[in-house]
Amino acid sequence: LPSAAVVVEVLSSDDETFRKFDFYAGHGVDEIVVADPATRTVRCWWLGDDGYRQEPSSDVLGVTMADLIEGVAWPQL
């Protein structure tokens, strides 16, 4: 396959996740899912004609971000 349908990133200190969005767009990655253990959030972005836009669910994974947040066994920080 020429590209991934979805990339999952987990934020950490000194993280470069958001700087990679242009790289992923250039490679045609359809969705980016970002989990943040510090805030216990999960967000999703879909690739459109003007770059990525945040959405409440993942079409590729077939799940809402709210369901993912509920289902994650978050680490104790």
PDB file of N, CA and C in Angstrom:
ATOM      1  N   LEU A   1       0.834  -1.180   0.000  1.00  0.00           N
ATOM      2  CA  LEU A   1       0.000   0.000   0.000  1.00  0.00           C
ATOM      3  C   LEU A   1       0.880   1.245   0.000  1.00  0.00           C
ATOM      4  N   PRO A   2       0.454   2.293  -0.678  1.00  0.00           N
ATOM      5  CA  PRO A   2       1.271   3.507  -0.753  1.00  0.00           C
ATOM      6  C   PRO A   2       1.280   4.328   0.531  1.00  0.00           C
ATOM      7  N   SER A   3       0.282   4.126   1.409  1.00  0.00           N
ATOM      8  CA  SER A   3       0.198   4.939   2.620  1.00  0.00           C
ATOM      9  C   SER A   3      -0.624   4.216   3.677  1.00  0.00           C
ATOM     10  N   ALA A   4      -0.592   4.754   4.875  1.00  0.00           N
ATOM     11  CA  ALA A   4      -1.431   4.246   5.962  1.00  0.00           C
ATOM     12  C   ALA A   4      -2.787   4.936   5.900  1.00  0.00           C
ATOM     13  N   ALA A   5      -3.831   4.230   6.291  1.00  0.00           N
ATOM     14  CA  ALA A   5      -5.165   4.830   6.347  1.00  0.00           C
ATOM     15  C   ALA A   5      -5.297   5.700   7.593  1.00  0.00           C
ATOM     16  N   VAL A   6      -4.672   5.270   8.692  1.00  0.00           N
ATOM     17  CA  VAL A   6      -4.761   6.001   9.953  1.00  0.00           C
ATOM     18  C   VAL A   6      -3.429   5.886  10.686  1.00  0.00           C
ATOM     19  N   VAL A   7      -3.046   6.969  11.351  1.00  0.00           N
ATOM     20  CA  VAL A   7      -1.868   6.991  12.214  1.00  0.00           C
ATOM     21  C   VAL A   7      -2.351   7.322  13.614  1.00  0.00           C
ATOM     22  N   VAL A   8      -1.848   6.584  14.606  1.00  0.00           N
ATOM     23  CA  VAL A   8      -2.183   6.853  16.006  1.00  0.00           C
ATOM     24  C   VAL A   8      -0.930   7.349  16.696  1.00  0.00           C
ATOM     25  N   GLU A   9      -1.019   8.521  17.297  1.00  0.00           N
ATOM     26  CA  GLU A   9       0.100   9.130  18.021  1.00  0.00           C
ATOM     27  C   GLU A   9      -0.286   9.269  19.487  1.00  0.00           C
ATOM     28  N   VAL A  10       0.661   9.023  20.375  1.00  0.00           N
ATOM     29  CA  VAL A  10       0.468   9.243  21.810  1.00  0.00           C
ATOM     30  C   VAL A  10       1.407  10.371  22.220  1.00  0.00           C
ATOM     31  N   LEU A  11       0.830  11.454  22.738  1.00  0.00           N
ATOM     32  CA  LEU A  11       1.633  12.610  23.133  1.00  0.00           C
ATOM     33  C   LEU A  11       2.505  12.302  24.338  1.00  0.00           C
ATOM     34  N   SER A  12       3.680  12.897  24.333  1.00  0.00           N
ATOM     35  CA  SER A  12       4.593  12.827  25.465  1.00  0.00           C
ATOM     36  C   SER A  12       5.283  14.182  25.586  1.00  0.00           C
ATOM     37  N   SER A  13       6.066  14.356  26.631  1.00  0.00           N
ATOM     38  CA  SER A  13       6.763  15.630  26.784  1.00  0.00           C
ATOM     39  C   SER A  13       7.716  15.828  25.603  1.00  0.00           C
ATOM     40  N   ASP A  14       7.897  17.068  25.186  1.00  0.00           N
ATOM     41  CA  ASP A  14       8.738  17.417  24.034  1.00  0.00           C
ATOM     42  C   ASP A  14       8.298  16.694  22.761  1.00  0.00           C
ATOM     43  N   ASP A  15       6.994  16.501  22.616  1.00  0.00           N
ATOM     44  CA  ASP A  15       6.432  15.747  21.510  1.00  0.00           C
ATOM     45  C   ASP A  15       6.396  16.573  20.223  1.00  0.00           C
ATOM     46  N   GLU A  16       6.537  15.912  19.085  1.00  0.00           N
ATOM     47  CA  GLU A  16       6.509  16.578  17.790  1.00  0.00           C
ATOM     48  C   GLU A  16       5.323  16.145  16.941  1.00  0.00           C
ATOM     49  N   THR A  17       4.308  15.566  17.568  1.00  0.00           N
ATOM     50  CA  THR A  17       3.162  15.033  16.833  1.00  0.00           C
ATOM     51  C   THR A  17       2.571  16.039  15.852  1.00  0.00           C
ATOM     52  N   PHE A  18       2.257  17.226  16.314  1.00  0.00           N
ATOM     53  CA  PHE A  18       1.551  18.185  15.460  1.00  0.00           C
ATOM     54  C   PHE A  18       2.443  18.738  14.349  1.00  0.00           C
ATOM     55  N   ARG A  19       3.745  18.661  14.511  1.00  0.00           N
ATOM     56  CA  ARG A  19       4.663  19.073  13.446  1.00  0.00           C
ATOM     57  C   ARG A  19       4.708  18.046  12.319  1.00  0.00           C
ATOM     58  N   LYS A  20       4.193  16.834  12.568  1.00  0.00           N
ATOM     59  CA  LYS A  20       4.206  15.768  11.565  1.00  0.00           C
ATOM     60  C   LYS A  20       2.991  15.806  10.644  1.00  0.00           C
ATOM     61  N   PHE A  21       2.006  16.649  10.924  1.00  0.00           N
ATOM     62  CA  PHE A  21       0.770  16.657  10.136  1.00  0.00           C
ATOM     63  C   PHE A  21       1.041  16.905   8.647  1.00  0.00           C
ATOM     64  N   ASP A  22       1.914  17.831   8.313  1.00  0.00           N
ATOM     65  CA  ASP A  22       2.220  18.096   6.904  1.00  0.00           C
ATOM     66  C   ASP A  22       2.867  16.881   6.245  1.00  0.00           C
ATOM     67  N   PHE A  23       3.734  16.199   6.971  1.00  0.00           N
ATOM     68  CA  PHE A  23       4.359  14.970   6.463  1.00  0.00           C
ATOM     69  C   PHE A  23       3.287  13.928   6.168  1.00  0.00           C
ATOM     70  N   TYR A  24       2.382  13.717   7.122  1.00  0.00           N
ATOM     71  CA  TYR A  24       1.313  12.736   6.926  1.00  0.00           C
ATOM     72  C   TYR A  24       0.414  13.123   5.757  1.00  0.00           C
ATOM     73  N   ALA A  25       0.067  14.395   5.640  1.00  0.00           N
ATOM     74  CA  ALA A  25      -0.766  14.857   4.527  1.00  0.00           C
ATOM     75  C   ALA A  25      -0.063  14.607   3.196  1.00  0.00           C
ATOM     76  N   GLY A  26       1.224  14.872   3.145  1.00  0.00           N
ATOM     77  CA  GLY A  26       1.999  14.640   1.932  1.00  0.00           C
ATOM     78  C   GLY A  26       2.044  13.189   1.510  1.00  0.00           C
ATOM     79  N   HIS A  27       1.835  12.306   2.467  1.00  0.00           N
ATOM     80  CA  HIS A  27       1.820  10.867   2.183  1.00  0.00           C
ATOM     81  C   HIS A  27       0.400  10.312   2.084  1.00  0.00           C
ATOM     82  N   GLY A  28      -0.597  11.189   2.150  1.00  0.00           N
ATOM     83  CA  GLY A  28      -1.982  10.763   1.955  1.00  0.00           C
ATOM     84  C   GLY A  28      -2.592   9.972   3.083  1.00  0.00           C
ATOM     85  N   VAL A  29      -2.106  10.170   4.311  1.00  0.00           N
ATOM     86  CA  VAL A  29      -2.704   9.485   5.470  1.00  0.00           C
ATOM     87  C   VAL A  29      -4.094  10.080   5.701  1.00  0.00           C
ATOM     88  N   ASP A  30      -5.126   9.236   5.664  1.00  0.00           N
ATOM     89  CA  ASP A  30      -6.513   9.697   5.749  1.00  0.00           C
ATOM     90  C   ASP A  30      -6.866  10.313   7.095  1.00  0.00           C
ATOM     91  N   GLU A  31      -6.407   9.693   8.174  1.00  0.00           N
ATOM     92  CA  GLU A  31      -6.774  10.164   9.522  1.00  0.00           C
ATOM     93  C   GLU A  31      -5.582  10.118  10.462  1.00  0.00           C
ATOM     94  N   ILE A  32      -5.601  11.035  11.415  1.00  0.00           N
ATOM     95  CA  ILE A  32      -4.628  11.035  12.509  1.00  0.00           C
ATOM     96  C   ILE A  32      -5.420  11.025  13.811  1.00  0.00           C
ATOM     97  N   VAL A  33      -5.104  10.069  14.672  1.00  0.00           N
ATOM     98  CA  VAL A  33      -5.721   9.989  15.999  1.00  0.00           C
ATOM     99  C   VAL A  33      -4.626  10.291  17.012  1.00  0.00           C
ATOM    100  N   VAL A  34      -4.893  11.233  17.908  1.00  0.00           N
ATOM    101  CA  VAL A  34      -3.894  11.658  18.892  1.00  0.00           C
ATOM    102  C   VAL A  34      -4.457  11.445  20.298  1.00  0.00           C
ATOM    103  N   ALA A  35      -3.754  10.633  21.076  1.00  0.00           N
ATOM    104  CA  ALA A  35      -4.122  10.395  22.476  1.00  0.00           C
ATOM    105  C   ALA A  35      -3.184  11.193  23.363  1.00  0.00           C
ATOM    106  N   ASP A  36      -3.755  11.842  24.370  1.00  0.00           N
ATOM    107  CA  ASP A  36      -2.971  12.632  25.323  1.00  0.00           C
ATOM    108  C   ASP A  36      -3.213  12.094  26.725  1.00  0.00           C
ATOM    109  N   PRO A  37      -2.293  11.281  27.245  1.00  0.00           N
ATOM    110  CA  PRO A  37      -2.469  10.708  28.582  1.00  0.00           C
ATOM    111  C   PRO A  37      -2.558  11.759  29.687  1.00  0.00           C
ATOM    112  N   ALA A  38      -1.899  12.904  29.501  1.00  0.00           N
ATOM    113  CA  ALA A  38      -1.894  13.943  30.537  1.00  0.00           C
ATOM    114  C   ALA A  38      -3.285  14.545  30.733  1.00  0.00           C
ATOM    115  N   THR A  39      -4.029  14.702  29.637  1.00  0.00           N
ATOM    116  CA  THR A  39      -5.367  15.287  29.732  1.00  0.00           C
ATOM    117  C   THR A  39      -6.473  14.242  29.548  1.00  0.00           C
ATOM    118  N   ARG A  40      -6.054  13.006  29.299  1.00  0.00           N
ATOM    119  CA  ARG A  40      -6.990  11.889  29.070  1.00  0.00           C
ATOM    120  C   ARG A  40      -7.986  12.218  27.965  1.00  0.00           C
ATOM    121  N   THR A  41      -7.440  12.676  26.850  1.00  0.00           N
ATOM    122  CA  THR A  41      -8.254  12.983  25.682  1.00  0.00           C
ATOM    123  C   THR A  41      -7.754  12.202  24.475  1.00  0.00           C
ATOM    124  N   VAL A  42      -8.647  11.999  23.532  1.00  0.00           N
ATOM    125  CA  VAL A  42      -8.307  11.413  22.244  1.00  0.00           C
ATOM    126  C   VAL A  42      -9.005  12.267  21.197  1.00  0.00           C
ATOM    127  N   ARG A  43      -8.239  12.729  20.202  1.00  0.00           N
ATOM    128  CA  ARG A  43      -8.798  13.572  19.141  1.00  0.00           C
ATOM    129  C   ARG A  43      -8.470  12.965  17.782  1.00  0.00           C
ATOM    130  N   CYS A  44      -9.301  13.272  16.796  1.00  0.00           N
ATOM    131  CA  CYS A  44      -9.126  12.723  15.454  1.00  0.00           C
ATOM    132  C   CYS A  44      -9.186  13.838  14.424  1.00  0.00           C
ATOM    133  N   TRP A  45      -8.334  13.735  13.406  1.00  0.00           N
ATOM    134  CA  TRP A  45      -8.328  14.670  12.289  1.00  0.00           C
ATOM    135  C   TRP A  45      -8.469  13.887  10.994  1.00  0.00           C
ATOM    136  N   TRP A  46      -9.310  14.385  10.087  1.00  0.00           N
ATOM    137  CA  TRP A  46      -9.494  13.805   8.759  1.00  0.00           C
ATOM    138  C   TRP A  46      -8.807  14.686   7.732  1.00  0.00           C
ATOM    139  N   LEU A  47      -8.216  14.055   6.728  1.00  0.00           N
ATOM    140  CA  LEU A  47      -7.556  14.794   5.656  1.00  0.00           C
ATOM    141  C   LEU A  47      -8.581  15.256   4.623  1.00  0.00           C
ATOM    142  N   GLY A  48      -8.595  16.562   4.362  1.00  0.00           N
ATOM    143  CA  GLY A  48      -9.461  17.147   3.327  1.00  0.00           C
ATOM    144  C   GLY A  48      -8.615  17.898   2.320  1.00  0.00           C
ATOM    145  N   ASP A  49      -9.258  18.616   1.447  1.00  0.00           N
ATOM    146  CA  ASP A  49      -8.547  19.371   0.412  1.00  0.00           C
ATOM    147  C   ASP A  49      -7.639  20.457   0.988  1.00  0.00           C
ATOM    148  N   ASP A  50      -7.996  21.003   2.156  1.00  0.00           N
ATOM    149  CA  ASP A  50      -7.231  22.081   2.781  1.00  0.00           C
ATOM    150  C   ASP A  50      -6.414  21.606   3.975  1.00  0.00           C
ATOM    151  N   GLY A  51      -6.100  20.329   4.055  1.00  0.00           N
ATOM    152  CA  GLY A  51      -5.353  19.794   5.186  1.00  0.00           C
ATOM    153  C   GLY A  51      -6.271  19.042   6.136  1.00  0.00           C
ATOM    154  N   TYR A  52      -5.819  18.885   7.350  1.00  0.00           N
ATOM    155  CA  TYR A  52      -6.583  18.119   8.339  1.00  0.00           C
ATOM    156  C   TYR A  52      -7.579  18.997   9.077  1.00  0.00           C
ATOM    157  N   ARG A  53      -8.736  18.402   9.367  1.00  0.00           N
ATOM    158  CA  ARG A  53      -9.744  19.075  10.191  1.00  0.00           C
ATOM    159  C   ARG A  53     -10.153  18.109  11.299  1.00  0.00           C
ATOM    160  N   GLN A  54     -10.352  18.635  12.476  1.00  0.00           N
ATOM    161  CA  GLN A  54     -10.699  17.803  13.620  1.00  0.00           C
ATOM    162  C   GLN A  54     -12.148  17.336  13.501  1.00  0.00           C
ATOM    163  N   GLU A  55     -12.376  16.070  13.828  1.00  0.00           N
ATOM    164  CA  GLU A  55     -13.698  15.453  13.762  1.00  0.00           C
ATOM    165  C   GLU A  55     -13.949  14.651  15.040  1.00  0.00           C
ATOM    166  N   PRO A  56     -15.217  14.387  15.361  1.00  0.00           N
ATOM    167  CA  PRO A  56     -15.533  13.686  16.608  1.00  0.00           C
ATOM    168  C   PRO A  56     -15.429  12.165  16.530  1.00  0.00           C
ATOM    169  N   SER A  57     -15.112  11.631  15.349  1.00  0.00           N
ATOM    170  CA  SER A  57     -15.045  10.177  15.206  1.00  0.00           C
ATOM    171  C   SER A  57     -14.016   9.809  14.144  1.00  0.00           C
ATOM    172  N   SER A  58     -13.684   8.517  14.114  1.00  0.00           N
ATOM    173  CA  SER A  58     -12.791   7.979  13.091  1.00  0.00           C
ATOM    174  C   SER A  58     -13.606   7.093  12.165  1.00  0.00           C
ATOM    175  N   ASP A  59     -13.663   7.452  10.884  1.00  0.00           N
ATOM    176  CA  ASP A  59     -14.320   6.590   9.896  1.00  0.00           C
ATOM    177  C   ASP A  59     -13.512   5.307   9.696  1.00  0.00           C
ATOM    178  N   VAL A  60     -12.198   5.430   9.683  1.00  0.00           N
ATOM    179  CA  VAL A  60     -11.332   4.266   9.456  1.00  0.00           C
ATOM    180  C   VAL A  60     -11.496   3.247  10.579  1.00  0.00           C
ATOM    181  N   LEU A  61     -11.484   3.711  11.818  1.00  0.00           N
ATOM    182  CA  LEU A  61     -11.600   2.809  12.970  1.00  0.00           C
ATOM    183  C   LEU A  61     -13.049   2.492  13.322  1.00  0.00           C
ATOM    184  N   GLY A  62     -13.990   3.301  12.829  1.00  0.00           N
ATOM    185  CA  GLY A  62     -15.404   3.075  13.110  1.00  0.00           C
ATOM    186  C   GLY A  62     -15.767   3.292  14.567  1.00  0.00           C
ATOM    187  N   VAL A  63     -15.211   4.343  15.168  1.00  0.00           N
ATOM    188  CA  VAL A  63     -15.437   4.609  16.588  1.00  0.00           C
ATOM    189  C   VAL A  63     -15.434   6.116  16.832  1.00  0.00           C
ATOM    190  N   THR A  64     -16.208   6.549  17.824  1.00  0.00           N
ATOM    191  CA  THR A  64     -16.162   7.960  18.213  1.00  0.00           C
ATOM    192  C   THR A  64     -15.007   8.167  19.177  1.00  0.00           C
ATOM    193  N   MET A  65     -14.546   9.398  19.256  1.00  0.00           N
ATOM    194  CA  MET A  65     -13.475   9.703  20.192  1.00  0.00           C
ATOM    195  C   MET A  65     -13.977   9.565  21.624  1.00  0.00           C
ATOM    196  N   ALA A  66     -15.243   9.879  21.870  1.00  0.00           N
ATOM    197  CA  ALA A  66     -15.816   9.713  23.218  1.00  0.00           C
ATOM    198  C   ALA A  66     -15.761   8.251  23.649  1.00  0.00           C
ATOM    199  N   ASP A  67     -16.052   7.334  22.727  1.00  0.00           N
ATOM    200  CA  ASP A  67     -15.982   5.909  23.062  1.00  0.00           C
ATOM    201  C   ASP A  67     -14.545   5.476  23.339  1.00  0.00           C
ATOM    202  N   LEU A  68     -13.602   5.988  22.563  1.00  0.00           N
ATOM    203  CA  LEU A  68     -12.193   5.655  22.805  1.00  0.00           C
ATOM    204  C   LEU A  68     -11.738   6.162  24.168  1.00  0.00           C
ATOM    205  N   ILE A  69     -12.108   7.403  24.487  1.00  0.00           N
ATOM    206  CA  ILE A  69     -11.719   7.982  25.778  1.00  0.00           C
ATOM    207  C   ILE A  69     -12.230   7.114  26.921  1.00  0.00           C
ATOM    208  N   GLU A  70     -13.475   6.655  26.810  1.00  0.00           N
ATOM    209  CA  GLU A  70     -14.059   5.796  27.848  1.00  0.00           C
ATOM    210  C   GLU A  70     -13.366   4.453  27.942  1.00  0.00           C
ATOM    211  N   GLY A  71     -12.915   3.929  26.799  1.00  0.00           N
ATOM    212  CA  GLY A  71     -12.351   2.586  26.762  1.00  0.00           C
ATOM    213  C   GLY A  71     -10.881   2.471  27.087  1.00  0.00           C
ATOM    214  N   VAL A  72     -10.187   3.599  27.171  1.00  0.00           N
ATOM    215  CA  VAL A  72      -8.735   3.559  27.433  1.00  0.00           C
ATOM    216  C   VAL A  72      -8.478   3.377  28.927  1.00  0.00           C
ATOM    217  N   ALA A  73      -7.551   2.470  29.240  1.00  0.00           N
ATOM    218  CA  ALA A  73      -7.072   2.309  30.625  1.00  0.00           C
ATOM    219  C   ALA A  73      -5.918   3.289  30.790  1.00  0.00           C
ATOM    220  N   TRP A  74      -6.258   4.525  31.153  1.00  0.00           N
ATOM    221  CA  TRP A  74      -5.252   5.588  31.232  1.00  0.00           C
ATOM    222  C   TRP A  74      -4.239   5.300  32.315  1.00  0.00           C
ATOM    223  N   PRO A  75      -2.949   5.573  32.042  1.00  0.00           N
ATOM    224  CA  PRO A  75      -1.917   5.369  33.058  1.00  0.00           C
ATOM    225  C   PRO A  75      -2.014   6.421  34.152  1.00  0.00           C
ATOM    226  N   GLN A  76      -1.554   6.066  35.317  1.00  0.00           N
ATOM    227  CA  GLN A  76      -1.448   7.029  36.410  1.00  0.00           C
ATOM    228  C   GLN A  76      -0.204   7.860  36.175  1.00  0.00           C
ATOM    229  N   LEU A  77      -0.379   9.169  36.068  1.00  0.00           N
ATOM    230  CA  LEU A  77       0.778  10.055  35.818  1.00  0.00           C
ATOM    231  C   LEU A  77       1.220  10.741  37.084  1.00  0.00           C
TER     232      LEU A  77
END
